[in-house]
Protein backbone atom coordinates (compact mmCIF):
# COMPACT_ATOMS: atom_id res chain seq x y z
CA MET A 1 3.74 -5.96 -1.23
CA ALA A 2 0.50 -7.77 -0.55
CA VAL A 3 0.53 -9.00 3.03
CA HIS A 4 -3.25 -9.42 3.32
CA THR A 5 -6.02 -10.61 1.06
CA PHE A 6 -8.91 -8.24 0.48
CA GLY A 7 -11.03 -10.27 2.88
CA GLU A 8 -8.36 -10.05 5.57
CA LEU A 9 -8.18 -6.26 5.15
CA LEU A 10 -11.94 -5.99 5.52
CA ALA A 11 -11.77 -8.17 8.63
CA THR A 12 -9.25 -5.81 10.24
CA VAL A 13 -11.50 -2.83 9.49
CA LYS A 14 -14.42 -4.65 11.10
CA GLU A 15 -12.33 -5.54 14.16
CA ASP A 16 -10.87 -2.04 14.48
CA ALA A 17 -14.29 -0.39 14.13
CA GLY A 18 -15.42 -2.25 17.23
CA PRO A 19 -18.95 -2.97 18.37
CA GLY A 20 -20.31 0.19 16.72
CA GLY A 21 -19.65 -1.35 13.32
CA ALA A 22 -19.73 0.79 10.19
CA ARG A 23 -21.25 3.74 12.06
CA SER A 24 -18.03 3.99 14.08
CA LEU A 25 -16.12 4.80 10.89
CA ALA A 26 -17.60 8.30 10.99
CA ASP A 27 -15.50 8.96 14.10
CA PRO A 28 -12.04 10.33 13.20
CA LEU A 29 -10.53 8.67 16.28
CA VAL A 30 -11.69 5.27 15.06
CA VAL A 31 -10.35 5.93 11.57
CA THR A 32 -6.89 6.79 12.95
CA ARG A 33 -6.59 3.35 14.52
CA LEU A 34 -7.52 1.35 11.40
CA ARG A 35 -4.73 -1.09 10.60
CA ALA A 36 -5.83 -1.06 6.96
CA LEU A 37 -4.70 2.58 6.72
CA ASP A 38 -1.34 2.08 8.48
CA PRO A 39 1.38 1.61 5.83
CA ALA A 40 3.46 -0.47 8.24
CA ARG A 41 0.63 -2.97 8.75
CA THR A 42 -1.22 -3.16 5.44
CA ASN A 43 -0.64 -3.80 1.74
CA ARG A 44 1.69 -1.28 0.16
CA SER A 45 3.65 -0.64 -2.98
CA THR A 46 6.05 1.76 -4.59
CA ARG A 47 5.74 3.30 -7.98
CA ALA A 48 7.14 1.36 -10.91
CA THR A 49 10.29 2.78 -12.41
């Protein structure tokens, strides 16, 4: 299910990274809070049967 456009997903990564920007993404604690990686809050799908 697509709940966000690609641009919206990138915007959440930027917001979640905080003021450190892309450099913050090297911090595992920052990565764990990325909404784009949370299946409950991002685009998701199931395999086709």
